[in-house]
Amino acid sequence: MHPAEETDEIRALLDRYLIGLDDEELNDAWASRLFTRDARVEFPMSGHKGLDGLAAYHRESLAAFAATQHLGSPAVVDRQIEGEDGRGRARLRANLVSTHVHHPGGTGRPLFTAGTLATGEAVRTDDGWRLASLSFRVLWTEGTPAAPKASR
């Protein structure tokens, strides 16, 4: 595969992840198309390790809101030809604005919005590129977030 095509495939992982949060059924097939078996996802309020239960973790987190919309910038991808394990590796970074709509009947403002720096690592697997880690650092917020959940 041409290096530019690989970079596009790596960028598409984050794009598909963000669109999936808003518009897809978050099930095990969704997670396995995006993540490695030992993937880590870290948010400021919680996180999850491993592919098992990753889709459920996302479903439960998003259930705190009536709707969400995640808008990401194009990812900056820094590829390495070979990692220590002999597979291709890449780091990626992107900016993200997430809007979360609270369920009706709440006492605060109807929206919680966050500006975030997303960083991650992708690994070339036998099934193509997959995210091995993804973390989010909140840079600013407006409104009231949902109550935090414990990490798994």
C-alpha atoms as a PDB file:
ATOM      1  CA  MET A   1       0.000   0.000   0.000  1.00  0.00           C
ATOM      2  CA  HIS A   2       1.253   3.505  -0.830  1.00  0.00           C
ATOM      3  CA  PRO A   3       2.239   5.615   2.259  1.00  0.00           C
ATOM      4  CA  ALA A   4      -0.398   8.264   1.461  1.00  0.00           C
ATOM      5  CA  GLU A   5      -3.082   5.559   1.318  1.00  0.00           C
ATOM      6  CA  GLU A   6      -1.954   4.218   4.700  1.00  0.00           C
ATOM      7  CA  THR A   7      -2.088   7.712   6.172  1.00  0.00           C
ATOM      8  CA  ASP A   8      -5.634   8.106   4.826  1.00  0.00           C
ATOM      9  CA  GLU A   9      -6.595   4.741   6.355  1.00  0.00           C
ATOM     10  CA  ILE A  10      -5.205   5.822   9.740  1.00  0.00           C
ATOM     11  CA  ARG A  11      -7.052   9.173   9.593  1.00  0.00           C
ATOM     12  CA  ALA A  12     -10.249   7.356   8.663  1.00  0.00           C
ATOM     13  CA  LEU A  13     -10.110   5.377  11.925  1.00  0.00           C
ATOM     14  CA  LEU A  14     -10.666   8.537  13.956  1.00  0.00           C
ATOM     15  CA  ASP A  15     -13.278   9.825  11.503  1.00  0.00           C
ATOM     16  CA  ARG A  16     -15.195   6.536  11.639  1.00  0.00           C
ATOM     17  CA  TYR A  17     -14.937   6.482  15.433  1.00  0.00           C
ATOM     18  CA  LEU A  18     -16.407   9.979  15.805  1.00  0.00           C
ATOM     19  CA  ILE A  19     -19.190   9.445  13.275  1.00  0.00           C
ATOM     20  CA  GLY A  20     -19.943   6.071  14.847  1.00  0.00           C
ATOM     21  CA  LEU A  21     -20.507   7.689  18.245  1.00  0.00           C
ATOM     22  CA  ASP A  22     -23.284   9.798  16.777  1.00  0.00           C
ATOM     23  CA  ASP A  23     -24.785   7.631  14.063  1.00  0.00           C
ATOM     24  CA  GLU A  24     -24.075   3.905  14.379  1.00  0.00           C
ATOM     25  CA  GLU A  25     -25.028   0.953  16.493  1.00  0.00           C
ATOM     26  CA  LEU A  26     -22.172   0.662  18.970  1.00  0.00           C
ATOM     27  CA  ASN A  27     -21.654  -3.091  19.096  1.00  0.00           C
ATOM     28  CA  ASP A  28     -18.703  -5.486  19.140  1.00  0.00           C
ATOM     29  CA  ALA A  29     -18.415  -5.431  15.335  1.00  0.00           C
ATOM     30  CA  TRP A  30     -18.137  -1.610  15.423  1.00  0.00           C
ATOM     31  CA  ALA A  31     -15.394  -1.789  18.049  1.00  0.00           C
ATOM     32  CA  SER A  32     -13.419  -4.535  16.283  1.00  0.00           C
ATOM     33  CA  ARG A  33     -13.376  -2.578  13.002  1.00  0.00           C
ATOM     34  CA  LEU A  34     -11.667   0.290  14.841  1.00  0.00           C
ATOM     35  CA  PHE A  35      -9.612  -1.065  17.768  1.00  0.00           C
ATOM     36  CA  THR A  36      -6.989  -3.675  18.644  1.00  0.00           C
ATOM     37  CA  ARG A  37      -7.837  -6.394  21.188  1.00  0.00           C
ATOM     38  CA  ASP A  38      -5.798  -4.641  23.897  1.00  0.00           C
ATOM     39  CA  ALA A  39      -6.865  -1.073  23.042  1.00  0.00           C
ATOM     40  CA  ARG A  40      -7.073   1.656  25.684  1.00  0.00           C
ATOM     41  CA  VAL A  41      -9.542   4.556  25.554  1.00  0.00           C
ATOM     42  CA  GLU A  42      -9.057   7.351  28.104  1.00  0.00           C
ATOM     43  CA  PHE A  43     -11.390  10.239  28.803  1.00  0.00           C
ATOM     44  CA  PRO A  44     -10.810  12.751  31.624  1.00  0.00           C
ATOM     45  CA  MET A  45     -13.658  11.200  33.630  1.00  0.00           C
ATOM     46  CA  SER A  46     -13.191   7.491  32.849  1.00  0.00           C
ATOM     47  CA  GLY A  47     -11.574   4.943  30.575  1.00  0.00           C
ATOM     48  CA  HIS A  48     -11.657   1.385  29.306  1.00  0.00           C
ATOM     49  CA  LYS A  49      -8.998  -1.228  28.512  1.00  0.00           C
ATOM     50  CA  GLY A  50      -9.479  -4.057  26.049  1.00  0.00           C
ATOM     51  CA  LEU A  51     -11.836  -4.780  23.187  1.00  0.00           C
ATOM     52  CA  ASP A  52     -14.179  -6.815  25.384  1.00  0.00           C
ATOM     53  CA  GLY A  53     -16.860  -4.477  26.695  1.00  0.00           C
ATOM     54  CA  LEU A  54     -15.563  -1.467  24.751  1.00  0.00           C
ATOM     55  CA  ALA A  55     -18.775  -0.987  22.754  1.00  0.00           C
ATOM     56  CA  ALA A  56     -20.879  -1.314  25.926  1.00  0.00           C
ATOM     57  CA  TYR A  57     -18.654   1.234  27.668  1.00  0.00           C
ATOM     58  CA  HIS A  58     -19.337   3.737  24.874  1.00  0.00           C
ATOM     59  CA  ARG A  59     -23.088   2.982  24.794  1.00  0.00           C
ATOM     60  CA  GLU A  60     -23.363   3.489  28.556  1.00  0.00           C
ATOM     61  CA  SER A  61     -21.371   6.727  28.443  1.00  0.00           C
ATOM     62  CA  LEU A  62     -23.445   8.173  25.604  1.00  0.00           C
ATOM     63  CA  ALA A  63     -26.720   7.134  27.283  1.00  0.00           C
ATOM     64  CA  ALA A  64     -26.191  10.046  29.671  1.00  0.00           C
ATOM     65  CA  PHE A  65     -27.241  12.306  26.780  1.00  0.00           C
ATOM     66  CA  ALA A  66     -30.245  12.514  24.451  1.00  0.00           C
ATOM     67  CA  ALA A  67     -27.945  13.129  21.457  1.00  0.00           C
ATOM     68  CA  THR A  68     -24.333  13.969  20.591  1.00  0.00           C
ATOM     69  CA  GLN A  69     -22.402  15.439  17.708  1.00  0.00           C
ATOM     70  CA  HIS A  70     -18.626  15.048  17.420  1.00  0.00           C
ATOM     71  CA  LEU A  71     -16.815  17.256  14.906  1.00  0.00           C
ATOM     72  CA  GLY A  72     -13.125  16.526  14.328  1.00  0.00           C
ATOM     73  CA  SER A  73     -10.369  18.273  12.433  1.00  0.00           C
ATOM     74  CA  PRO A  74      -8.291  16.257   9.985  1.00  0.00           C
ATOM     75  CA  ALA A  75      -5.871  14.132  11.991  1.00  0.00           C
ATOM     76  CA  VAL A  76      -2.143  14.794  11.842  1.00  0.00           C
ATOM     77  CA  VAL A  77      -0.511  11.379  11.367  1.00  0.00           C
ATOM     78  CA  ASP A  78       3.134  10.590  12.170  1.00  0.00           C
ATOM     79  CA  ARG A  79       3.902   7.154  10.729  1.00  0.00           C
ATOM     80  CA  GLN A  80       6.689   4.800  11.723  1.00  0.00           C
ATOM     81  CA  ILE A  81       7.571   2.120   9.192  1.00  0.00           C
ATOM     82  CA  GLU A  82       8.246  -0.552  11.813  1.00  0.00           C
ATOM     83  CA  GLY A  83       7.450  -0.744  15.495  1.00  0.00           C
ATOM     84  CA  GLU A  84       9.208  -2.932  18.060  1.00  0.00           C
ATOM     85  CA  ASP A  85       6.837  -5.759  17.165  1.00  0.00           C
ATOM     86  CA  GLY A  86       7.684  -5.508  13.449  1.00  0.00           C
ATOM     87  CA  ARG A  87       4.334  -3.956  12.528  1.00  0.00           C
ATOM     88  CA  GLY A  88       3.676  -0.457  11.292  1.00  0.00           C
ATOM     89  CA  ARG A  89       2.801   2.077  13.941  1.00  0.00           C
ATOM     90  CA  ALA A  90       1.540   5.640  13.798  1.00  0.00           C
ATOM     91  CA  ARG A  91       0.636   8.430  16.180  1.00  0.00           C
ATOM     92  CA  LEU A  92      -2.287  10.690  15.442  1.00  0.00           C
ATOM     93  CA  ARG A  93      -3.578  13.996  16.804  1.00  0.00           C
ATOM     94  CA  ALA A  94      -6.712  15.980  16.045  1.00  0.00           C
ATOM     95  CA  ASN A  95      -8.894  18.716  17.483  1.00  0.00           C
ATOM     96  CA  LEU A  96     -12.449  17.864  18.403  1.00  0.00           C
ATOM     97  CA  VAL A  97     -15.579  19.791  19.362  1.00  0.00           C
ATOM     98  CA  SER A  98     -18.227  17.617  21.001  1.00  0.00           C
ATOM     99  CA  THR A  99     -21.762  18.794  21.628  1.00  0.00           C
ATOM    100  CA  HIS A 100     -23.880  16.776  24.047  1.00  0.00           C
ATOM    101  CA  VAL A 101     -27.628  17.347  24.364  1.00  0.00           C
ATOM    102  CA  HIS A 102     -28.971  16.682  27.861  1.00  0.00           C
ATOM    103  CA  HIS A 103     -32.155  14.664  28.258  1.00  0.00           C
ATOM    104  CA  PRO A 104     -35.302  16.822  28.559  1.00  0.00           C
ATOM    105  CA  GLY A 105     -36.319  17.928  32.037  1.00  0.00           C
ATOM    106  CA  GLY A 106     -32.874  18.832  33.330  1.00  0.00           C
ATOM    107  CA  THR A 107     -32.364  21.945  35.418  1.00  0.00           C
ATOM    108  CA  GLY A 108     -29.309  23.321  33.626  1.00  0.00           C
ATOM    109  CA  ARG A 109     -28.527  24.450  30.111  1.00  0.00           C
ATOM    110  CA  PRO A 110     -29.607  21.958  27.451  1.00  0.00           C
ATOM    111  CA  LEU A 111     -26.113  21.576  25.927  1.00  0.00           C
ATOM    112  CA  PHE A 112     -22.720  20.565  27.186  1.00  0.00           C
ATOM    113  CA  THR A 113     -19.936  21.368  24.703  1.00  0.00           C
ATOM    114  CA  ALA A 114     -16.232  20.545  24.943  1.00  0.00           C
ATOM    115  CA  GLY A 115     -13.176  21.428  22.906  1.00  0.00           C
ATOM    116  CA  THR A 116     -10.729  18.545  23.069  1.00  0.00           C
ATOM    117  CA  LEU A 117      -7.334  17.408  21.844  1.00  0.00           C
ATOM    118  CA  ALA A 118      -7.557  13.777  20.722  1.00  0.00           C
ATOM    119  CA  THR A 119      -4.351  11.721  20.564  1.00  0.00           C
ATOM    120  CA  GLY A 120      -3.825   8.089  19.773  1.00  0.00           C
ATOM    121  CA  GLU A 121      -1.708   5.344  18.384  1.00  0.00           C
ATOM    122  CA  ALA A 122      -2.603   3.070  15.491  1.00  0.00           C
ATOM    123  CA  VAL A 123      -1.044  -0.297  14.678  1.00  0.00           C
ATOM    124  CA  ARG A 124      -1.053  -2.201  11.387  1.00  0.00           C
ATOM    125  CA  THR A 125      -2.681  -5.575  12.082  1.00  0.00           C
ATOM    126  CA  ASP A 126      -3.506  -8.542   9.855  1.00  0.00           C
ATOM    127  CA  ASP A 127      -6.939  -6.898   9.389  1.00  0.00           C
ATOM    128  CA  GLY A 128      -5.539  -3.449   8.534  1.00  0.00           C
ATOM    129  CA  TRP A 129      -4.881  -0.419  10.704  1.00  0.00           C
ATOM    130  CA  ARG A 130      -6.537  -0.361  14.132  1.00  0.00           C
ATOM    131  CA  LEU A 131      -6.428   2.046  17.079  1.00  0.00           C
ATOM    132  CA  ALA A 132      -4.314   0.743  19.959  1.00  0.00           C
ATOM    133  CA  SER A 133      -4.959   3.791  22.117  1.00  0.00           C
ATOM    134  CA  LEU A 134      -7.100   6.873  22.043  1.00  0.00           C
ATOM    135  CA  SER A 135      -7.153   9.612  24.670  1.00  0.00           C
ATOM    136  CA  PHE A 136      -8.912  12.916  25.034  1.00  0.00           C
ATOM    137  CA  ARG A 137      -7.667  16.047  26.836  1.00  0.00           C
ATOM    138  CA  VAL A 138     -10.370  18.635  27.373  1.00  0.00           C
ATOM    139  CA  LEU A 139      -9.165  22.170  26.599  1.00  0.00           C
ATOM    140  CA  TRP A 140     -12.412  24.054  27.296  1.00  0.00           C
ATOM    141  CA  THR A 141     -16.041  23.402  28.175  1.00  0.00           C
ATOM    142  CA  GLU A 142     -19.357  25.190  28.217  1.00  0.00           C
ATOM    143  CA  GLY A 143     -22.355  23.891  30.141  1.00  0.00           C
ATOM    144  CA  THR A 144     -22.637  21.047  32.634  1.00  0.00           C
ATOM    145  CA  PRO A 145     -21.196  17.584  31.893  1.00  0.00           C
ATOM    146  CA  ALA A 146     -22.836  14.304  32.829  1.00  0.00           C
ATOM    147  CA  ALA A 147     -21.845  12.671  36.105  1.00  0.00           C
ATOM    148  CA  PRO A 148     -18.501  10.799  35.823  1.00  0.00           C
ATOM    149  CA  LYS A 149     -18.302   7.002  35.568  1.00  0.00           C
ATOM    150  CA  ALA A 150     -15.618   4.750  37.019  1.00  0.00           C
ATOM    151  CA  SER A 151     -12.864   3.353  34.778  1.00  0.00           C
ATOM    152  CA  ARG A 152     -12.879  -0.314  33.854  1.00  0.00           C
END
